[in-house]
PDB file of all heavy atoms in Angstrom:
ATOM      1  N   SER A   1      13.392  19.371  15.112  1.00  0.00           N
ATOM      2  CA  SER A   1      12.150  18.742  15.545  1.00  0.00           C
ATOM      3  C   SER A   1      12.140  17.230  15.449  1.00  0.00           C
ATOM      4  O   SER A   1      11.502  16.563  16.244  1.00  0.00           O
ATOM      5  CB  SER A   1      10.977  19.294  14.738  1.00  0.00           C
ATOM      6  OG  SER A   1      11.161  19.043  13.358  1.00  0.00           O
ATOM      7  N   VAL A   2      12.819  16.662  14.449  1.00  0.00           N
ATOM      8  CA  VAL A   2      12.727  15.224  14.262  1.00  0.00           C
ATOM      9  C   VAL A   2      13.977  14.699  13.582  1.00  0.00           C
ATOM     10  O   VAL A   2      14.721  15.443  12.953  1.00  0.00           O
ATOM     11  CB  VAL A   2      11.498  14.841  13.397  1.00  0.00           C
ATOM     12  CG1 VAL A   2      10.207  15.018  14.152  1.00  0.00           C
ATOM     13  CG2 VAL A   2      11.470  15.648  12.119  1.00  0.00           C
ATOM     14  N   ASP A   3      14.223  13.409  13.695  1.00  0.00           N
ATOM     15  CA  ASP A   3      15.352  12.764  13.038  1.00  0.00           C
ATOM     16  C   ASP A   3      14.889  12.230  11.693  1.00  0.00           C
ATOM     17  O   ASP A   3      13.926  11.474  11.627  1.00  0.00           O
ATOM     18  CB  ASP A   3      15.871  11.623  13.909  1.00  0.00           C
ATOM     19  CG  ASP A   3      17.279  11.223  13.549  1.00  0.00           C
ATOM     20  OD1 ASP A   3      17.654  11.409  12.378  1.00  0.00           O
ATOM     21  OD2 ASP A   3      18.004  10.747  14.425  1.00  0.00           O
ATOM     22  N   ILE A   4      15.572  12.617  10.609  1.00  0.00           N
ATOM     23  CA  ILE A   4      15.084  12.265   9.278  1.00  0.00           C
ATOM     24  C   ILE A   4      16.103  11.474   8.466  1.00  0.00           C
ATOM     25  O   ILE A   4      15.990  11.369   7.252  1.00  0.00           O
ATOM     26  CB  ILE A   4      14.691  13.517   8.484  1.00  0.00           C
ATOM     27  CG1 ILE A   4      15.865  14.507   8.408  1.00  0.00           C
ATOM     28  CG2 ILE A   4      13.471  14.176   9.094  1.00  0.00           C
ATOM     29  CD1 ILE A   4      15.639  15.633   7.442  1.00  0.00           C
ATOM     30  N   THR A   5      17.115  10.920   9.094  1.00  0.00           N
ATOM     31  CA  THR A   5      18.137  10.198   8.349  1.00  0.00           C
ATOM     32  C   THR A   5      17.523   9.062   7.539  1.00  0.00           C
ATOM     33  O   THR A   5      16.848   8.195   8.081  1.00  0.00           O
ATOM     34  CB  THR A   5      19.187   9.616   9.308  1.00  0.00           C
ATOM     35  OG1 THR A   5      19.747  10.673  10.079  1.00  0.00           O
ATOM     36  CG2 THR A   5      20.294   8.936   8.537  1.00  0.00           C
ATOM     37  N   GLY A   6      17.754   9.057   6.230  1.00  0.00           N
ATOM     38  CA  GLY A   6      17.331   7.939   5.401  1.00  0.00           C
ATOM     39  C   GLY A   6      16.275   8.287   4.381  1.00  0.00           C
ATOM     40  O   GLY A   6      15.650   9.340   4.420  1.00  0.00           O
ATOM     41  N   THR A   7      16.089   7.366   3.464  1.00  0.00           N
ATOM     42  CA  THR A   7      15.195   7.601   2.341  1.00  0.00           C
ATOM     43  C   THR A   7      13.761   7.151   2.592  1.00  0.00           C
ATOM     44  O   THR A   7      12.879   7.446   1.798  1.00  0.00           O
ATOM     45  CB  THR A   7      15.731   6.874   1.091  1.00  0.00           C
ATOM     46  OG1 THR A   7      15.864   5.476   1.392  1.00  0.00           O
ATOM     47  CG2 THR A   7      17.091   7.429   0.682  1.00  0.00           C
ATOM     48  N   ALA A   8      13.508   6.408   3.663  1.00  0.00           N
ATOM     49  CA  ALA A   8      12.136   5.974   3.952  1.00  0.00           C
ATOM     50  C   ALA A   8      11.283   7.174   4.348  1.00  0.00           C
ATOM     51  O   ALA A   8      11.769   8.133   4.946  1.00  0.00           O
ATOM     52  CB  ALA A   8      12.147   4.939   5.067  1.00  0.00           C
ATOM     53  N   ARG A   9      10.000   7.126   4.013  1.00  0.00           N
ATOM     54  CA  ARG A   9       9.084   8.217   4.329  1.00  0.00           C
ATOM     55  C   ARG A   9       8.713   8.177   5.805  1.00  0.00           C
ATOM     56  O   ARG A   9       8.265   7.155   6.326  1.00  0.00           O
ATOM     57  CB  ARG A   9       7.831   8.099   3.450  1.00  0.00           C
ATOM     58  CG  ARG A   9       6.855   9.257   3.545  1.00  0.00           C
ATOM     59  CD  ARG A   9       7.440  10.568   3.080  1.00  0.00           C
ATOM     60  NE  ARG A   9       7.816  10.583   1.689  1.00  0.00           N
ATOM     61  CZ  ARG A   9       7.004  10.968   0.714  1.00  0.00           C
ATOM     62  NH1 ARG A   9       5.774  11.345   0.962  1.00  0.00           N
ATOM     63  NH2 ARG A   9       7.432  10.992  -0.535  1.00  0.00           N
ATOM     64  N   ASP A  10       8.924   9.317   6.495  1.00  0.00           N
ATOM     65  CA  ASP A  10       8.607   9.441   7.915  1.00  0.00           C
ATOM     66  C   ASP A  10       7.417  10.367   8.097  1.00  0.00           C
ATOM     67  O   ASP A  10       7.155  11.241   7.268  1.00  0.00           O
ATOM     68  CB  ASP A  10       9.801  10.002   8.688  1.00  0.00           C
ATOM     69  CG  ASP A  10      11.048   9.155   8.524  1.00  0.00           C
ATOM     70  OD1 ASP A  10      10.907   7.924   8.541  1.00  0.00           O
ATOM     71  OD2 ASP A  10      12.141   9.723   8.367  1.00  0.00           O
ATOM     72  N   GLY A  11       6.699  10.202   9.215  1.00  0.00           N
ATOM     73  CA  GLY A  11       5.545  11.043   9.495  1.00  0.00           C
ATOM     74  C   GLY A  11       5.796  11.958  10.675  1.00  0.00           C
ATOM     75  O   GLY A  11       6.396  11.547  11.673  1.00  0.00           O
ATOM     76  N   HIS A  12       5.351  13.209  10.562  1.00  0.00           N
ATOM     77  CA  HIS A  12       5.575  14.199  11.606  1.00  0.00           C
ATOM     78  C   HIS A  12       4.313  15.020  11.849  1.00  0.00           C
ATOM     79  O   HIS A  12       3.578  15.337  10.910  1.00  0.00           O
ATOM     80  CB  HIS A  12       6.685  15.191  11.214  1.00  0.00           C
ATOM     81  CG  HIS A  12       7.797  14.604  10.420  1.00  0.00           C
ATOM     82  ND1 HIS A  12       8.797  13.859  11.002  1.00  0.00           N
ATOM     83  CD2 HIS A  12       8.090  14.651   9.098  1.00  0.00           C
ATOM     84  CE1 HIS A  12       9.652  13.480  10.057  1.00  0.00           C
ATOM     85  NE2 HIS A  12       9.240  13.935   8.898  1.00  0.00           N
ATOM     86  N   LEU A  13       4.098  15.387  13.099  1.00  0.00           N
ATOM     87  CA  LEU A  13       3.083  16.363  13.476  1.00  0.00           C
ATOM     88  C   LEU A  13       3.773  17.494  14.221  1.00  0.00           C
ATOM     89  O   LEU A  13       4.532  17.249  15.166  1.00  0.00           O
ATOM     90  CB  LEU A  13       2.013  15.753  14.383  1.00  0.00           C
ATOM     91  CG  LEU A  13       0.999  14.796  13.755  1.00  0.00           C
ATOM     92  CD1 LEU A  13       0.084  14.234  14.841  1.00  0.00           C
ATOM     93  CD2 LEU A  13       0.174  15.494  12.701  1.00  0.00           C
ATOM     94  N   LEU A  14       3.541  18.720  13.800  1.00  0.00           N
ATOM     95  CA  LEU A  14       4.108  19.891  14.462  1.00  0.00           C
ATOM     96  C   LEU A  14       2.961  20.801  14.881  1.00  0.00           C
ATOM     97  O   LEU A  14       2.139  21.197  14.054  1.00  0.00           O
ATOM     98  CB  LEU A  14       5.054  20.632  13.506  1.00  0.00           C
ATOM     99  CG  LEU A  14       5.562  22.003  13.950  1.00  0.00           C
ATOM    100  CD1 LEU A  14       6.343  21.911  15.257  1.00  0.00           C
ATOM    101  CD2 LEU A  14       6.427  22.622  12.857  1.00  0.00           C
ATOM    102  N   TYR A  15       2.902  21.115  16.177  1.00  0.00           N
ATOM    103  CA  TYR A  15       1.862  21.980  16.721  1.00  0.00           C
ATOM    104  C   TYR A  15       2.455  23.357  17.017  1.00  0.00           C
ATOM    105  O   TYR A  15       3.527  23.453  17.628  1.00  0.00           O
ATOM    106  CB  TYR A  15       1.290  21.393  18.012  1.00  0.00           C
ATOM    107  CG  TYR A  15       0.692  20.020  17.868  1.00  0.00           C
ATOM    108  CD1 TYR A  15       1.483  18.884  17.983  1.00  0.00           C
ATOM    109  CD2 TYR A  15      -0.673  19.856  17.615  1.00  0.00           C
ATOM    110  CE1 TYR A  15       0.936  17.610  17.843  1.00  0.00           C
ATOM    111  CE2 TYR A  15      -1.223  18.586  17.481  1.00  0.00           C
ATOM    112  CZ  TYR A  15      -0.406  17.475  17.601  1.00  0.00           C
ATOM    113  OH  TYR A  15      -0.957  16.213  17.462  1.00  0.00           O
ATOM    114  N   LEU A  16       1.759  24.413  16.597  1.00  0.00           N
ATOM    115  CA  LEU A  16       2.154  25.786  16.896  1.00  0.00           C
ATOM    116  C   LEU A  16       1.034  26.453  17.674  1.00  0.00           C
ATOM    117  O   LEU A  16      -0.131  26.416  17.253  1.00  0.00           O
ATOM    118  CB  LEU A  16       2.420  26.572  15.605  1.00  0.00           C
ATOM    119  CG  LEU A  16       3.527  26.067  14.678  1.00  0.00           C
ATOM    120  CD1 LEU A  16       3.597  26.951  13.438  1.00  0.00           C
ATOM    121  CD2 LEU A  16       4.875  26.047  15.392  1.00  0.00           C
ATOM    122  N   TYR A  17       1.379  27.090  18.797  1.00  0.00           N
ATOM    123  CA  TYR A  17       0.389  27.710  19.657  1.00  0.00           C
ATOM    124  C   TYR A  17       0.572  29.228  19.664  1.00  0.00           C
ATOM    125  O   TYR A  17       1.605  29.737  20.089  1.00  0.00           O
ATOM    126  CB  TYR A  17       0.509  27.158  21.082  1.00  0.00           C
ATOM    127  CG  TYR A  17       0.375  25.650  21.141  1.00  0.00           C
ATOM    128  CD1 TYR A  17       1.506  24.836  21.201  1.00  0.00           C
ATOM    129  CD2 TYR A  17      -0.873  25.041  21.114  1.00  0.00           C
ATOM    130  CE1 TYR A  17       1.384  23.452  21.246  1.00  0.00           C
ATOM    131  CE2 TYR A  17      -0.996  23.658  21.164  1.00  0.00           C
ATOM    132  CZ  TYR A  17       0.137  22.878  21.226  1.00  0.00           C
ATOM    133  OH  TYR A  17       0.019  21.496  21.265  1.00  0.00           O
ATOM    134  N   PHE A  18      -0.407  29.953  19.147  1.00  0.00           N
ATOM    135  CA  PHE A  18      -0.438  31.411  19.099  1.00  0.00           C
ATOM    136  C   PHE A  18       0.766  32.014  18.358  1.00  0.00           C
ATOM    137  O   PHE A  18       1.370  32.980  18.827  1.00  0.00           O
ATOM    138  CB  PHE A  18      -0.529  31.993  20.509  1.00  0.00           C
ATOM    139  CG  PHE A  18      -1.844  31.713  21.191  1.00  0.00           C
ATOM    140  CD1 PHE A  18      -1.999  30.586  21.985  1.00  0.00           C
ATOM    141  CD2 PHE A  18      -2.924  32.561  21.020  1.00  0.00           C
ATOM    142  CE1 PHE A  18      -3.221  30.312  22.601  1.00  0.00           C
ATOM    143  CE2 PHE A  18      -4.144  32.300  21.633  1.00  0.00           C
ATOM    144  CZ  PHE A  18      -4.300  31.167  22.429  1.00  0.00           C
ATOM    145  N   PRO A  19       1.134  31.499  17.186  1.00  0.00           N
ATOM    146  CA  PRO A  19       2.280  32.065  16.474  1.00  0.00           C
ATOM    147  C   PRO A  19       2.008  33.455  15.895  1.00  0.00           C
ATOM    148  O   PRO A  19       2.945  34.249  15.743  1.00  0.00           O
ATOM    149  CB  PRO A  19       2.540  31.054  15.356  1.00  0.00           C
ATOM    150  CG  PRO A  19       1.205  30.428  15.105  1.00  0.00           C
ATOM    151  CD  PRO A  19       0.562  30.343  16.456  1.00  0.00           C
ATOM    152  N   PHE A  20       0.735  33.755  15.550  1.00  0.00           N
ATOM    153  CA  PHE A  20       0.440  35.050  14.947  1.00  0.00           C
ATOM    154  C   PHE A  20       0.289  36.145  15.993  1.00  0.00           C
ATOM    155  O   PHE A  20       0.457  37.325  15.706  1.00  0.00           O
ATOM    156  CB  PHE A  20      -0.835  34.962  14.096  1.00  0.00           C
ATOM    157  CG  PHE A  20      -1.059  36.162  13.218  1.00  0.00           C
ATOM    158  CD1 PHE A  20      -0.363  36.307  12.030  1.00  0.00           C
ATOM    159  CD2 PHE A  20      -1.961  37.149  13.586  1.00  0.00           C
ATOM    160  CE1 PHE A  20      -0.555  37.418  11.217  1.00  0.00           C
ATOM    161  CE2 PHE A  20      -2.164  38.258  12.782  1.00  0.00           C
ATOM    162  CZ  PHE A  20      -1.459  38.395  11.592  1.00  0.00           C
ATOM    163  N   THR A  21      -0.029  35.750  17.226  1.00  0.00           N
ATOM    164  CA  THR A  21      -0.160  36.711  18.320  1.00  0.00           C
ATOM    165  C   THR A  21       1.218  37.223  18.726  1.00  0.00           C
ATOM    166  O   THR A  21       2.191  36.468  18.748  1.00  0.00           O
ATOM    167  CB  THR A  21      -0.840  36.057  19.526  1.00  0.00           C
ATOM    168  OG1 THR A  21      -2.104  35.518  19.113  1.00  0.00           O
ATOM    169  CG2 THR A  21      -1.054  37.052  20.647  1.00  0.00           C
ATOM    170  N   ALA A  22       1.302  38.502  19.056  1.00  0.00           N
ATOM    171  CA  ALA A  22       2.584  39.093  19.453  1.00  0.00           C
ATOM    172  C   ALA A  22       2.936  38.671  20.877  1.00  0.00           C
ATOM    173  O   ALA A  22       2.870  39.449  21.829  1.00  0.00           O
ATOM    174  CB  ALA A  22       2.519  40.602  19.333  1.00  0.00           C
ATOM    175  N   SER A  23       3.293  37.409  21.015  1.00  0.00           N
ATOM    176  CA  SER A  23       3.689  36.834  22.298  1.00  0.00           C
ATOM    177  C   SER A  23       4.631  35.668  22.007  1.00  0.00           C
ATOM    178  O   SER A  23       4.846  35.314  20.849  1.00  0.00           O
ATOM    179  CB  SER A  23       2.472  36.342  23.089  1.00  0.00           C
ATOM    180  OG  SER A  23       1.791  35.340  22.372  1.00  0.00           O
ATOM    181  N   ALA A  24       5.202  35.083  23.042  1.00  0.00           N
ATOM    182  CA  ALA A  24       6.050  33.906  22.847  1.00  0.00           C
ATOM    183  C   ALA A  24       5.236  32.788  22.208  1.00  0.00           C
ATOM    184  O   ALA A  24       4.068  32.589  22.539  1.00  0.00           O
ATOM    185  CB  ALA A  24       6.634  33.449  24.174  1.00  0.00           C
ATOM    186  N   THR A  25       5.843  32.054  21.271  1.00  0.00           N
ATOM    187  CA  THR A  25       5.166  30.971  20.556  1.00  0.00           C
ATOM    188  C   THR A  25       5.627  29.630  21.095  1.00  0.00           C
ATOM    189  O   THR A  25       6.816  29.315  21.062  1.00  0.00           O
ATOM    190  CB  THR A  25       5.471  31.045  19.052  1.00  0.00           C
ATOM    191  OG1 THR A  25       4.988  32.282  18.530  1.00  0.00           O
ATOM    192  CG2 THR A  25       4.808  29.893  18.307  1.00  0.00           C
ATOM    193  N   SER A  26       4.704  28.813  21.586  1.00  0.00           N
ATOM    194  CA  SER A  26       5.017  27.464  22.040  1.00  0.00           C
ATOM    195  C   SER A  26       4.855  26.475  20.896  1.00  0.00           C
ATOM    196  O   SER A  26       4.011  26.663  20.016  1.00  0.00           O
ATOM    197  CB  SER A  26       4.099  27.064  23.200  1.00  0.00           C
ATOM    198  OG  SER A  26       4.272  27.921  24.303  1.00  0.00           O
ATOM    199  N   THR A  27       5.667  25.422  20.908  1.00  0.00           N
ATOM    200  CA  THR A  27       5.614  24.424  19.837  1.00  0.00           C
ATOM    201  C   THR A  27       5.757  23.022  20.419  1.00  0.00           C
ATOM    202  O   THR A  27       6.305  22.831  21.504  1.00  0.00           O
ATOM    203  CB  THR A  27       6.743  24.628  18.815  1.00  0.00           C
ATOM    204  OG1 THR A  27       8.000  24.255  19.394  1.00  0.00           O
ATOM    205  CG2 THR A  27       6.835  26.074  18.360  1.00  0.00           C
ATOM    206  N   ARG A  28       5.261  22.053  19.663  1.00  0.00           N
ATOM    207  CA  ARG A  28       5.506  20.653  19.994  1.00  0.00           C
ATOM    208  C   ARG A  28       5.516  19.848  18.702  1.00  0.00           C
ATOM    209  O   ARG A  28       4.681  20.075  17.824  1.00  0.00           O
ATOM    210  CB  ARG A  28       4.434  20.090  20.920  1.00  0.00           C
ATOM    211  CG  ARG A  28       4.743  18.651  21.353  1.00  0.00           C
ATOM    212  CD  ARG A  28       3.618  18.002  22.108  1.00  0.00           C
ATOM    213  NE  ARG A  28       3.965  16.648  22.516  1.00  0.00           N
ATOM    214  CZ  ARG A  28       3.074  15.753  22.941  1.00  0.00           C
ATOM    215  NH1 ARG A  28       1.804  16.073  23.023  1.00  0.00           N
ATOM    216  NH2 ARG A  28       3.466  14.535  23.285  1.00  0.00           N
ATOM    217  N   SER A  29       6.448  18.929  18.577  1.00  0.00           N
ATOM    218  CA  SER A  29       6.483  18.065  17.397  1.00  0.00           C
ATOM    219  C   SER A  29       6.611  16.609  17.837  1.00  0.00           C
ATOM    220  O   SER A  29       7.289  16.303  18.816  1.00  0.00           O
ATOM    221  CB  SER A  29       7.644  18.433  16.475  1.00  0.00           C
ATOM    222  OG  SER A  29       8.881  18.249  17.124  1.00  0.00           O
ATOM    223  N   VAL A  30       5.925  15.734  17.109  1.00  0.00           N
ATOM    224  CA  VAL A  30       5.972  14.305  17.375  1.00  0.00           C
ATOM    225  C   VAL A  30       6.266  13.603  16.064  1.00  0.00           C
ATOM    226  O   VAL A  30       5.628  13.894  15.042  1.00  0.00           O
ATOM    227  CB  VAL A  30       4.654  13.785  17.969  1.00  0.00           C
ATOM    228  CG1 VAL A  30       4.742  12.289  18.243  1.00  0.00           C
ATOM    229  CG2 VAL A  30       4.298  14.544  19.240  1.00  0.00           C
ATOM    230  N   GLU A  31       7.202  12.659  16.080  1.00  0.00           N
ATOM    231  CA  GLU A  31       7.587  11.959  14.862  1.00  0.00           C
ATOM    232  C   GLU A  31       7.503  10.450  15.033  1.00  0.00           C
ATOM    233  O   GLU A  31       7.838   9.908  16.084  1.00  0.00           O
ATOM    234  CB  GLU A  31       9.017  12.328  14.482  1.00  0.00           C
ATOM    235  CG  GLU A  31       9.539  11.579  13.268  1.00  0.00           C
ATOM    236  CD  GLU A  31      11.026  11.256  13.371  1.00  0.00           C
ATOM    237  OE1 GLU A  31      11.564  11.285  14.483  1.00  0.00           O
ATOM    238  OE2 GLU A  31      11.627  10.962  12.334  1.00  0.00           O
ATOM    239  N   ALA A  32       7.050   9.794  13.994  1.00  0.00           N
ATOM    240  CA  ALA A  32       7.168   8.345  13.880  1.00  0.00           C
ATOM    241  C   ALA A  32       8.202   8.081  12.793  1.00  0.00           C
ATOM    242  O   ALA A  32       7.961   8.364  11.620  1.00  0.00           O
ATOM    243  CB  ALA A  32       5.831   7.719  13.512  1.00  0.00           C
ATOM    244  N   TRP A  33       9.339   7.568  13.192  1.00  0.00           N
ATOM    245  CA  TRP A  33      10.473   7.404  12.279  1.00  0.00           C
ATOM    246  C   TRP A  33      10.610   5.943  11.876  1.00  0.00           C
ATOM    247  O   TRP A  33      10.411   5.032  12.676  1.00  0.00           O
ATOM    248  CB  TRP A  33      11.741   7.888  12.975  1.00  0.00           C
ATOM    249  CG  TRP A  33      12.970   7.936  12.124  1.00  0.00           C
ATOM    250  CD1 TRP A  33      13.055   8.277  10.811  1.00  0.00           C
ATOM    251  CD2 TRP A  33      14.293   7.635  12.546  1.00  0.00           C
ATOM    252  NE1 TRP A  33      14.358   8.222  10.378  1.00  0.00           N
ATOM    253  CE2 TRP A  33      15.142   7.822  11.436  1.00  0.00           C
ATOM    254  CE3 TRP A  33      14.855   7.230  13.759  1.00  0.00           C
ATOM    255  CZ2 TRP A  33      16.509   7.612  11.492  1.00  0.00           C
ATOM    256  CZ3 TRP A  33      16.224   7.038  13.822  1.00  0.00           C
ATOM    257  CH2 TRP A  33      17.029   7.230  12.691  1.00  0.00           C
ATOM    258  N   SER A  34      10.987   5.719  10.631  1.00  0.00           N
ATOM    259  CA  SER A  34      11.068   4.354  10.110  1.00  0.00           C
ATOM    260  C   SER A  34      12.217   3.559  10.711  1.00  0.00           C
ATOM    261  O   SER A  34      12.262   2.340  10.594  1.00  0.00           O
ATOM    262  CB  SER A  34      11.233   4.403   8.592  1.00  0.00           C
ATOM    263  OG  SER A  34      12.437   5.077   8.258  1.00  0.00           O
ATOM    264  N   GLY A  35      13.174   4.244  11.342  1.00  0.00           N
ATOM    265  CA  GLY A  35      14.309   3.539  11.924  1.00  0.00           C
ATOM    266  C   GLY A  35      15.348   3.153  10.892  1.00  0.00           C
ATOM    267  O   GLY A  35      15.795   2.012  10.826  1.00  0.00           O
ATOM    268  N   TYR A  36      15.746   4.085  10.057  1.00  0.00           N
ATOM    269  CA  TYR A  36      16.750   3.849   9.033  1.00  0.00           C
ATOM    270  C   TYR A  36      18.023   3.299   9.679  1.00  0.00           C
ATOM    271  O   TYR A  36      18.493   3.802  10.686  1.00  0.00           O
ATOM    272  CB  TYR A  36      17.056   5.152   8.304  1.00  0.00           C
ATOM    273  CG  TYR A  36      18.128   5.065   7.258  1.00  0.00           C
ATOM    274  CD1 TYR A  36      17.919   4.365   6.077  1.00  0.00           C
ATOM    275  CD2 TYR A  36      19.347   5.701   7.447  1.00  0.00           C
ATOM    276  CE1 TYR A  36      18.896   4.297   5.110  1.00  0.00           C
ATOM    277  CE2 TYR A  36      20.332   5.646   6.479  1.00  0.00           C
ATOM    278  CZ  TYR A  36      20.097   4.943   5.317  1.00  0.00           C
ATOM    279  OH  TYR A  36      21.072   4.888   4.365  1.00  0.00           O
ATOM    280  N   ASN A  37      18.596   2.227   9.098  1.00  0.00           N
ATOM    281  CA  ASN A  37      19.771   1.540   9.662  1.00  0.00           C
ATOM    282  C   ASN A  37      19.501   1.035  11.069  1.00  0.00           C
ATOM    283  O   ASN A  37      20.394   0.901  11.885  1.00  0.00           O
ATOM    284  CB  ASN A  37      21.004   2.454   9.682  1.00  0.00           C
ATOM    285  CG  ASN A  37      21.662   2.541   8.312  1.00  0.00           C
ATOM    286  OD1 ASN A  37      21.425   1.699   7.448  1.00  0.00           O
ATOM    287  ND2 ASN A  37      22.479   3.556   8.110  1.00  0.00           N
ATOM    288  N   ASN A  38      18.236   0.769  11.368  1.00  0.00           N
ATOM    289  CA  ASN A  38      17.873   0.411  12.732  1.00  0.00           C
ATOM    290  C   ASN A  38      16.553  -0.365  12.665  1.00  0.00           C
ATOM    291  O   ASN A  38      15.577   0.150  12.156  1.00  0.00           O
ATOM    292  CB  ASN A  38      17.691   1.682  13.558  1.00  0.00           C
ATOM    293  CG  ASN A  38      17.688   1.385  15.038  1.00  0.00           C
ATOM    294  OD1 ASN A  38      18.020   0.290  15.463  1.00  0.00           O
ATOM    295  ND2 ASN A  38      17.320   2.361  15.817  1.00  0.00           N
TER     296      ASN A  38
END
């Protein structure tokens, strides 16, 4: 879902759509990364 290389604290949002329902589960994740070594 996201790139986590490094010791800086990164923020992530992960969305799950209908995971408990017996159907295909859609997902989306968005990350704000600190840019370790960058």
